[in-house]
Amino acid sequence: MIKIGIIIFPGTNCDLDVFHVLASLFNADVKFIWHTKDKLGTFDALIIPGGFAFGDRLRAGVIAAHSPIINDVKRVGLDGTPILGICNGFQILLECGLLPGALIVNKPADFLCKWVTLKVLNNKTPFTNQFKINNKVYLPIAHGEGRYVADQETMRELQKKNRIVLKYFNDNPNGSFSSIAGICNDYGNILGIMPHPERACEKILVPNKEANDGLLIFESLLSSIEKSKPILKIGAS
């Protein structure tokens, strides 16, 4: 069975949503991991869910990024374990250095809670392999500090290496540079996104009843893990 860990910080408010999707809809073995632990244990993938982790003092995610568990998150991420950071989870990935750039106050400075249309630019990651390039994706956002910014060199690197995974389509709600809604690391195994896929996995939750695009993000992850697992031959020693 696929084993997935969900990192929890004080104030996290989407951990149960992610747990429900993975455990109930995909029958994965899902475990919560409290932020003060020193070691993760063995997992096929990690999710850092959305929520107002650690009160968002100074900058969103900055305190959470210094929690004890983050050292091990960085270790396994650099070793190739798939890690998905959603909303505050994206902020934490940036603050701890696993992804470049920063997320700052929206422009205009409003809290945004709405459904948006996005475009898939990279379908080679463990989280987007069930999409086609330029697929339109319908997901909700809920953030006050979701404006992605980076220096010119970083922006050039993201574009050159195809690390911009999701962009806002038509409407850029928060003023993000290049309409960025999600980026990955060089190897594609670490992805940070502002939209909430866990809130778009069941049609009863989605205003557009034809879409449950969040499901494909988790389907992509589980499909990627299954393909990476070794096949055990009967009788092999």
C-alpha atoms as a PDB file:
ATOM      1  CA  MET A   1       0.000   0.000   0.000  1.00  0.00           C
ATOM      2  CA  ILE A   2       1.189   3.507  -0.818  1.00  0.00           C
ATOM      3  CA  LYS A   3       2.218   5.398   2.324  1.00  0.00           C
ATOM      4  CA  ILE A   4       1.881   9.180   2.420  1.00  0.00           C
ATOM      5  CA  GLY A   5       2.769  11.554   5.255  1.00  0.00           C
ATOM      6  CA  ILE A   6       0.969  14.824   5.970  1.00  0.00           C
ATOM      7  CA  ILE A   7       3.025  17.387   7.902  1.00  0.00           C
ATOM      8  CA  ILE A   8       0.964  19.303  10.480  1.00  0.00           C
ATOM      9  CA  PHE A   9       1.823  22.680  12.014  1.00  0.00           C
ATOM     10  CA  PRO A  10      -0.137  24.657  14.627  1.00  0.00           C
ATOM     11  CA  GLY A  11      -3.057  26.272  12.836  1.00  0.00           C
ATOM     12  CA  THR A  12      -3.006  24.011   9.784  1.00  0.00           C
ATOM     13  CA  ASN A  13      -6.612  23.764   8.600  1.00  0.00           C
ATOM     14  CA  CYS A  14      -6.595  21.602   5.467  1.00  0.00           C
ATOM     15  CA  ASP A  15      -4.852  18.509   6.812  1.00  0.00           C
ATOM     16  CA  LEU A  16      -8.117  16.582   7.279  1.00  0.00           C
ATOM     17  CA  ASP A  17      -9.245  17.452   3.751  1.00  0.00           C
ATOM     18  CA  VAL A  18      -6.049  16.019   2.266  1.00  0.00           C
ATOM     19  CA  PHE A  19      -6.319  12.965   4.537  1.00  0.00           C
ATOM     20  CA  HIS A  20      -9.905  12.340   3.401  1.00  0.00           C
ATOM     21  CA  VAL A  21      -9.002  12.500  -0.279  1.00  0.00           C
ATOM     22  CA  LEU A  22      -6.007  10.171  -0.028  1.00  0.00           C
ATOM     23  CA  ALA A  23      -7.470   7.686   2.463  1.00  0.00           C
ATOM     24  CA  SER A  24     -11.117   7.576   1.393  1.00  0.00           C
ATOM     25  CA  LEU A  25     -10.897   8.165  -2.356  1.00  0.00           C
ATOM     26  CA  PHE A  26      -7.578   6.407  -3.041  1.00  0.00           C
ATOM     27  CA  ASN A  27      -7.242   3.974  -0.125  1.00  0.00           C
ATOM     28  CA  ALA A  28      -3.703   5.155   0.632  1.00  0.00           C
ATOM     29  CA  ASP A  29      -2.050   4.596   4.007  1.00  0.00           C
ATOM     30  CA  VAL A  30      -1.958   8.174   5.318  1.00  0.00           C
ATOM     31  CA  LYS A  31      -0.233   9.320   8.514  1.00  0.00           C
ATOM     32  CA  PHE A  32      -0.086  12.710  10.229  1.00  0.00           C
ATOM     33  CA  ILE A  33       3.367  13.966  11.244  1.00  0.00           C
ATOM     34  CA  TRP A  34       3.590  16.647  13.940  1.00  0.00           C
ATOM     35  CA  HIS A  35       6.039  19.458  13.187  1.00  0.00           C
ATOM     36  CA  THR A  36       8.155  18.974  16.333  1.00  0.00           C
ATOM     37  CA  LYS A  37       9.257  15.460  15.367  1.00  0.00           C
ATOM     38  CA  ASP A  38      12.896  15.064  14.383  1.00  0.00           C
ATOM     39  CA  LYS A  39      12.456  12.187  11.924  1.00  0.00           C
ATOM     40  CA  LEU A  40       9.829  11.426   9.332  1.00  0.00           C
ATOM     41  CA  GLY A  41      10.025   7.678   9.033  1.00  0.00           C
ATOM     42  CA  THR A  42       9.518   6.024   5.638  1.00  0.00           C
ATOM     43  CA  PHE A  43       6.972   7.479   3.223  1.00  0.00           C
ATOM     44  CA  ASP A  44       6.416   7.296  -0.519  1.00  0.00           C
ATOM     45  CA  ALA A  45       5.432  10.989  -0.610  1.00  0.00           C
ATOM     46  CA  LEU A  46       4.821  13.969   1.666  1.00  0.00           C
ATOM     47  CA  ILE A  47       2.118  16.643   1.632  1.00  0.00           C
ATOM     48  CA  ILE A  48       2.448  19.994   3.405  1.00  0.00           C
ATOM     49  CA  PRO A  49      -1.177  21.177   3.459  1.00  0.00           C
ATOM     50  CA  GLY A  50      -2.654  24.654   3.490  1.00  0.00           C
ATOM     51  CA  GLY A  51      -3.620  26.528   6.613  1.00  0.00           C
ATOM     52  CA  PHE A  52      -2.357  29.407   8.707  1.00  0.00           C
ATOM     53  CA  ALA A  53       0.713  27.591   9.941  1.00  0.00           C
ATOM     54  CA  PHE A  54       2.320  29.088  13.049  1.00  0.00           C
ATOM     55  CA  GLY A  55       0.331  32.309  12.875  1.00  0.00           C
ATOM     56  CA  ASP A  56       2.121  33.568   9.746  1.00  0.00           C
ATOM     57  CA  ARG A  57       4.285  35.937  11.787  1.00  0.00           C
ATOM     58  CA  LEU A  58       6.668  38.141   9.798  1.00  0.00           C
ATOM     59  CA  ARG A  59       6.086  36.291   6.528  1.00  0.00           C
ATOM     60  CA  ALA A  60       3.756  33.466   5.663  1.00  0.00           C
ATOM     61  CA  GLY A  61       5.365  30.136   6.541  1.00  0.00           C
ATOM     62  CA  VAL A  62       8.613  31.576   7.881  1.00  0.00           C
ATOM     63  CA  ILE A  63       8.295  30.189  11.425  1.00  0.00           C
ATOM     64  CA  ALA A  64       6.996  26.833  10.253  1.00  0.00           C
ATOM     65  CA  ALA A  65      10.013  26.585   7.945  1.00  0.00           C
ATOM     66  CA  HIS A  66      12.239  26.370  11.057  1.00  0.00           C
ATOM     67  CA  SER A  67      10.323  23.557  12.764  1.00  0.00           C
ATOM     68  CA  PRO A  68      12.391  20.467  13.661  1.00  0.00           C
ATOM     69  CA  ILE A  69      10.714  18.220  11.051  1.00  0.00           C
ATOM     70  CA  ILE A  70      11.779  20.489   8.185  1.00  0.00           C
ATOM     71  CA  ASN A  71      15.393  19.289   8.276  1.00  0.00           C
ATOM     72  CA  ASP A  72      14.227  15.769   7.448  1.00  0.00           C
ATOM     73  CA  VAL A  73      11.726  17.084   4.882  1.00  0.00           C
ATOM     74  CA  LYS A  74      14.632  18.805   3.117  1.00  0.00           C
ATOM     75  CA  ARG A  75      16.735  15.644   3.286  1.00  0.00           C
ATOM     76  CA  VAL A  76      14.146  13.344   1.702  1.00  0.00           C
ATOM     77  CA  GLY A  77      13.136  16.017  -0.819  1.00  0.00           C
ATOM     78  CA  LEU A  78      16.714  16.343  -2.036  1.00  0.00           C
ATOM     79  CA  ASP A  79      16.863  12.527  -2.201  1.00  0.00           C
ATOM     80  CA  GLY A  80      13.901  12.482  -4.615  1.00  0.00           C
ATOM     81  CA  THR A  81      10.823  11.881  -2.453  1.00  0.00           C
ATOM     82  CA  PRO A  82       7.761  13.613  -3.996  1.00  0.00           C
ATOM     83  CA  ILE A  83       6.682  16.586  -1.857  1.00  0.00           C
ATOM     84  CA  LEU A  84       3.593  18.694  -2.524  1.00  0.00           C
ATOM     85  CA  GLY A  85       3.150  22.020  -0.730  1.00  0.00           C
ATOM     86  CA  ILE A  86      -0.344  23.508  -0.966  1.00  0.00           C
ATOM     87  CA  CYS A  87      -0.950  27.210  -0.217  1.00  0.00           C
ATOM     88  CA  ASN A  88       0.801  27.674   3.147  1.00  0.00           C
ATOM     89  CA  GLY A  89       2.690  24.510   2.277  1.00  0.00           C
ATOM     90  CA  PHE A  90       4.013  26.299  -0.821  1.00  0.00           C
ATOM     91  CA  GLN A  91       5.042  29.227   1.380  1.00  0.00           C
ATOM     92  CA  ILE A  92       6.905  26.857   3.699  1.00  0.00           C
ATOM     93  CA  LEU A  93       8.754  25.210   0.790  1.00  0.00           C
ATOM     94  CA  LEU A  94       9.939  28.659  -0.300  1.00  0.00           C
ATOM     95  CA  GLU A  95      10.909  29.795   3.196  1.00  0.00           C
ATOM     96  CA  CYS A  96      12.958  26.658   3.886  1.00  0.00           C
ATOM     97  CA  GLY A  97      14.794  26.946   0.567  1.00  0.00           C
ATOM     98  CA  LEU A  98      13.462  23.893  -1.259  1.00  0.00           C
ATOM     99  CA  LEU A  99      11.959  26.208  -3.873  1.00  0.00           C
ATOM    100  CA  PRO A 100      13.132  29.685  -4.973  1.00  0.00           C
ATOM    101  CA  GLY A 101      11.363  33.035  -4.730  1.00  0.00           C
ATOM    102  CA  ALA A 102       8.790  34.295  -2.241  1.00  0.00           C
ATOM    103  CA  LEU A 103       5.052  34.696  -1.741  1.00  0.00           C
ATOM    104  CA  ILE A 104       4.011  38.157  -0.606  1.00  0.00           C
ATOM    105  CA  VAL A 105       0.790  40.083   0.026  1.00  0.00           C
ATOM    106  CA  ASN A 106      -1.661  39.944  -2.861  1.00  0.00           C
ATOM    107  CA  LYS A 107      -1.897  42.892  -5.215  1.00  0.00           C
ATOM    108  CA  PRO A 108      -4.371  44.395  -4.473  1.00  0.00           C
ATOM    109  CA  ALA A 109      -3.980  43.492  -0.791  1.00  0.00           C
ATOM    110  CA  ASP A 110      -7.167  41.476  -0.440  1.00  0.00           C
ATOM    111  CA  PHE A 111      -7.782  38.002   0.908  1.00  0.00           C
ATOM    112  CA  LEU A 112      -8.898  35.937  -2.074  1.00  0.00           C
ATOM    113  CA  CYS A 113     -11.343  33.064  -1.790  1.00  0.00           C
ATOM    114  CA  LYS A 114     -12.609  32.068  -5.228  1.00  0.00           C
ATOM    115  CA  TRP A 115     -12.473  29.491  -7.992  1.00  0.00           C
ATOM    116  CA  VAL A 116      -9.921  30.123 -10.728  1.00  0.00           C
ATOM    117  CA  THR A 117      -8.933  28.637 -14.059  1.00  0.00           C
ATOM    118  CA  LEU A 118      -5.321  27.588 -14.477  1.00  0.00           C
ATOM    119  CA  LYS A 119      -3.189  26.253 -17.312  1.00  0.00           C
ATOM    120  CA  VAL A 120      -0.825  23.274 -17.043  1.00  0.00           C
ATOM    121  CA  LEU A 121       2.625  24.093 -18.473  1.00  0.00           C
ATOM    122  CA  ASN A 122       4.555  21.057 -17.233  1.00  0.00           C
ATOM    123  CA  ASN A 123       3.055  17.556 -17.125  1.00  0.00           C
ATOM    124  CA  LYS A 124       6.327  15.762 -16.391  1.00  0.00           C
ATOM    125  CA  THR A 125       6.119  16.042 -12.596  1.00  0.00           C
ATOM    126  CA  PRO A 126       4.794  13.320 -10.252  1.00  0.00           C
ATOM    127  CA  PHE A 127       1.797  15.595  -9.616  1.00  0.00           C
ATOM    128  CA  THR A 128       0.784  16.504 -13.178  1.00  0.00           C
ATOM    129  CA  ASN A 129       1.401  13.411 -15.304  1.00  0.00           C
ATOM    130  CA  GLN A 130      -2.345  12.813 -15.783  1.00  0.00           C
ATOM    131  CA  PHE A 131      -2.770  16.184 -17.515  1.00  0.00           C
ATOM    132  CA  LYS A 132      -1.933  17.288 -21.031  1.00  0.00           C
ATOM    133  CA  ILE A 133       0.111  20.404 -21.738  1.00  0.00           C
ATOM    134  CA  ASN A 134      -2.109  23.513 -21.806  1.00  0.00           C
ATOM    135  CA  ASN A 135      -4.969  21.668 -20.084  1.00  0.00           C
ATOM    136  CA  LYS A 136      -7.302  24.106 -18.332  1.00  0.00           C
ATOM    137  CA  VAL A 137      -7.719  23.272 -14.644  1.00  0.00           C
ATOM    138  CA  TYR A 138     -10.480  24.561 -12.348  1.00  0.00           C
ATOM    139  CA  LEU A 139      -9.420  24.877  -8.687  1.00  0.00           C
ATOM    140  CA  PRO A 140     -10.154  27.136  -5.690  1.00  0.00           C
ATOM    141  CA  ILE A 141      -7.727  29.557  -4.075  1.00  0.00           C
ATOM    142  CA  ALA A 142      -7.869  30.961  -0.535  1.00  0.00           C
ATOM    143  CA  HIS A 143      -4.952  33.185   0.438  1.00  0.00           C
ATOM    144  CA  GLY A 144      -3.842  36.664   1.438  1.00  0.00           C
ATOM    145  CA  GLU A 145      -0.150  36.215   0.613  1.00  0.00           C
ATOM    146  CA  GLY A 146      -0.092  34.329  -2.657  1.00  0.00           C
ATOM    147  CA  ARG A 147       1.672  36.759  -4.963  1.00  0.00           C
ATOM    148  CA  TYR A 148       4.708  34.899  -6.316  1.00  0.00           C
ATOM    149  CA  VAL A 149       7.784  37.078  -6.822  1.00  0.00           C
ATOM    150  CA  ALA A 150      11.413  36.348  -7.686  1.00  0.00           C
ATOM    151  CA  ASP A 151      14.466  38.118  -9.069  1.00  0.00           C
ATOM    152  CA  GLN A 152      15.118  38.215 -12.820  1.00  0.00           C
ATOM    153  CA  GLU A 153      17.698  35.434 -12.744  1.00  0.00           C
ATOM    154  CA  THR A 154      15.315  33.098 -10.917  1.00  0.00           C
ATOM    155  CA  MET A 155      12.501  33.905 -13.329  1.00  0.00           C
ATOM    156  CA  ARG A 156      14.762  33.127 -16.283  1.00  0.00           C
ATOM    157  CA  GLU A 157      15.785  29.821 -14.693  1.00  0.00           C
ATOM    158  CA  LEU A 158      12.185  28.822 -14.014  1.00  0.00           C
ATOM    159  CA  GLN A 159      11.215  29.482 -17.616  1.00  0.00           C
ATOM    160  CA  LYS A 160      14.336  27.950 -19.153  1.00  0.00           C
ATOM    161  CA  LYS A 161      14.063  24.724 -17.146  1.00  0.00           C
ATOM    162  CA  ASN A 162      10.267  24.360 -17.493  1.00  0.00           C
ATOM    163  CA  ARG A 163       9.757  24.732 -13.748  1.00  0.00           C
ATOM    164  CA  ILE A 164       6.611  26.845 -14.001  1.00  0.00           C
ATOM    165  CA  VAL A 165       4.004  24.098 -13.616  1.00  0.00           C
ATOM    166  CA  LEU A 166       0.742  26.037 -13.271  1.00  0.00           C
ATOM    167  CA  LYS A 167      -0.251  29.532 -14.385  1.00  0.00           C
ATOM    168  CA  TYR A 168      -3.426  31.506 -13.797  1.00  0.00           C
ATOM    169  CA  PHE A 169      -5.330  31.544 -17.084  1.00  0.00           C
ATOM    170  CA  ASN A 170      -6.735  34.860 -18.359  1.00  0.00           C
ATOM    171  CA  ASP A 171      -7.109  36.389 -14.876  1.00  0.00           C
ATOM    172  CA  ASN A 172      -4.080  36.928 -12.599  1.00  0.00           C
ATOM    173  CA  PRO A 173      -5.930  37.340  -9.272  1.00  0.00           C
ATOM    174  CA  ASN A 174      -3.021  38.165  -6.952  1.00  0.00           C
ATOM    175  CA  GLY A 175      -0.433  39.907  -9.138  1.00  0.00           C
ATOM    176  CA  SER A 176       2.021  36.979  -9.289  1.00  0.00           C
ATOM    177  CA  PHE A 177       4.982  37.433 -11.620  1.00  0.00           C
ATOM    178  CA  SER A 178       4.191  35.767 -14.969  1.00  0.00           C
ATOM    179  CA  SER A 179       0.809  34.695 -13.495  1.00  0.00           C
ATOM    180  CA  ILE A 180       2.591  31.890 -11.628  1.00  0.00           C
ATOM    181  CA  ALA A 181       0.384  29.606  -9.516  1.00  0.00           C
ATOM    182  CA  GLY A 182       2.832  26.744  -9.001  1.00  0.00           C
ATOM    183  CA  ILE A 183       6.511  25.886  -9.509  1.00  0.00           C
ATOM    184  CA  CYS A 184       8.695  22.818  -9.059  1.00  0.00           C
ATOM    185  CA  ASN A 185      12.368  22.155  -8.331  1.00  0.00           C
ATOM    186  CA  ASP A 186      14.913  21.106 -10.968  1.00  0.00           C
ATOM    187  CA  TYR A 187      13.978  17.423 -10.681  1.00  0.00           C
ATOM    188  CA  GLY A 188      10.227  17.974 -10.540  1.00  0.00           C
ATOM    189  CA  ASN A 189       9.711  15.963  -7.346  1.00  0.00           C
ATOM    190  CA  ILE A 190       8.983  19.057  -5.206  1.00  0.00           C
ATOM    191  CA  LEU A 191       5.961  21.120  -6.216  1.00  0.00           C
ATOM    192  CA  GLY A 192       4.454  24.189  -4.566  1.00  0.00           C
ATOM    193  CA  ILE A 193       1.011  25.427  -5.635  1.00  0.00           C
ATOM    194  CA  MET A 194      -1.313  28.121  -4.316  1.00  0.00           C
ATOM    195  CA  PRO A 195      -4.652  26.501  -5.382  1.00  0.00           C
ATOM    196  CA  HIS A 196      -6.258  23.799  -3.216  1.00  0.00           C
ATOM    197  CA  PRO A 197      -6.672  20.524  -5.169  1.00  0.00           C
ATOM    198  CA  GLU A 198      -8.067  18.740  -2.097  1.00  0.00           C
ATOM    199  CA  ARG A 199     -11.125  20.995  -2.283  1.00  0.00           C
ATOM    200  CA  ALA A 200     -11.844  19.972  -5.872  1.00  0.00           C
ATOM    201  CA  CYS A 201     -11.862  16.180  -5.767  1.00  0.00           C
ATOM    202  CA  GLU A 202     -15.593  15.536  -5.397  1.00  0.00           C
ATOM    203  CA  LYS A 203     -18.205  16.980  -7.721  1.00  0.00           C
ATOM    204  CA  ILE A 204     -20.496  17.957  -4.837  1.00  0.00           C
ATOM    205  CA  LEU A 205     -17.885  20.592  -3.856  1.00  0.00           C
ATOM    206  CA  VAL A 206     -17.247  22.035  -7.313  1.00  0.00           C
ATOM    207  CA  PRO A 207     -19.400  24.809  -8.839  1.00  0.00           C
ATOM    208  CA  ASN A 208     -18.553  23.549 -12.328  1.00  0.00           C
ATOM    209  CA  LYS A 209     -20.064  20.074 -12.042  1.00  0.00           C
ATOM    210  CA  GLU A 210     -18.085  18.852 -15.045  1.00  0.00           C
ATOM    211  CA  ALA A 211     -14.784  19.404 -13.238  1.00  0.00           C
ATOM    212  CA  ASN A 212     -13.051  17.686 -10.363  1.00  0.00           C
ATOM    213  CA  ASP A 213      -9.550  18.556 -11.496  1.00  0.00           C
ATOM    214  CA  GLY A 214      -8.005  18.317  -8.047  1.00  0.00           C
ATOM    215  CA  LEU A 215      -8.480  14.568  -8.278  1.00  0.00           C
ATOM    216  CA  LEU A 216      -6.034  14.365 -11.185  1.00  0.00           C
ATOM    217  CA  ILE A 217      -3.239  15.890  -9.106  1.00  0.00           C
ATOM    218  CA  PHE A 218      -3.540  13.115  -6.532  1.00  0.00           C
ATOM    219  CA  GLU A 219      -4.089  10.489  -9.245  1.00  0.00           C
ATOM    220  CA  SER A 220      -0.862  11.688 -10.851  1.00  0.00           C
ATOM    221  CA  LEU A 221       1.014  11.302  -7.579  1.00  0.00           C
ATOM    222  CA  LEU A 222      -0.228   7.788  -6.857  1.00  0.00           C
ATOM    223  CA  SER A 223       0.349   6.707 -10.457  1.00  0.00           C
ATOM    224  CA  SER A 224       3.909   8.009 -10.285  1.00  0.00           C
ATOM    225  CA  ILE A 225       4.583   6.169  -7.024  1.00  0.00           C
ATOM    226  CA  GLU A 226       3.152   2.898  -8.358  1.00  0.00           C
ATOM    227  CA  LYS A 227       5.329   3.083 -11.460  1.00  0.00           C
ATOM    228  CA  SER A 228       8.433   3.732  -9.360  1.00  0.00           C
ATOM    229  CA  LYS A 229       7.914   0.762  -7.032  1.00  0.00           C
ATOM    230  CA  PRO A 230       9.954  -2.364  -7.908  1.00  0.00           C
ATOM    231  CA  ILE A 231       8.041  -5.376  -9.200  1.00  0.00           C
ATOM    232  CA  LEU A 232       8.658  -8.427  -6.981  1.00  0.00           C
ATOM    233  CA  LYS A 233       8.854 -11.681  -8.917  1.00  0.00           C
ATOM    234  CA  ILE A 234       7.405 -14.820  -7.312  1.00  0.00           C
ATOM    235  CA  GLY A 235      10.186 -17.041  -6.081  1.00  0.00           C
ATOM    236  CA  ALA A 236      12.799 -14.304  -6.201  1.00  0.00           C
ATOM    237  CA  SER A 237      15.183 -14.258  -3.270  1.00  0.00           C
END
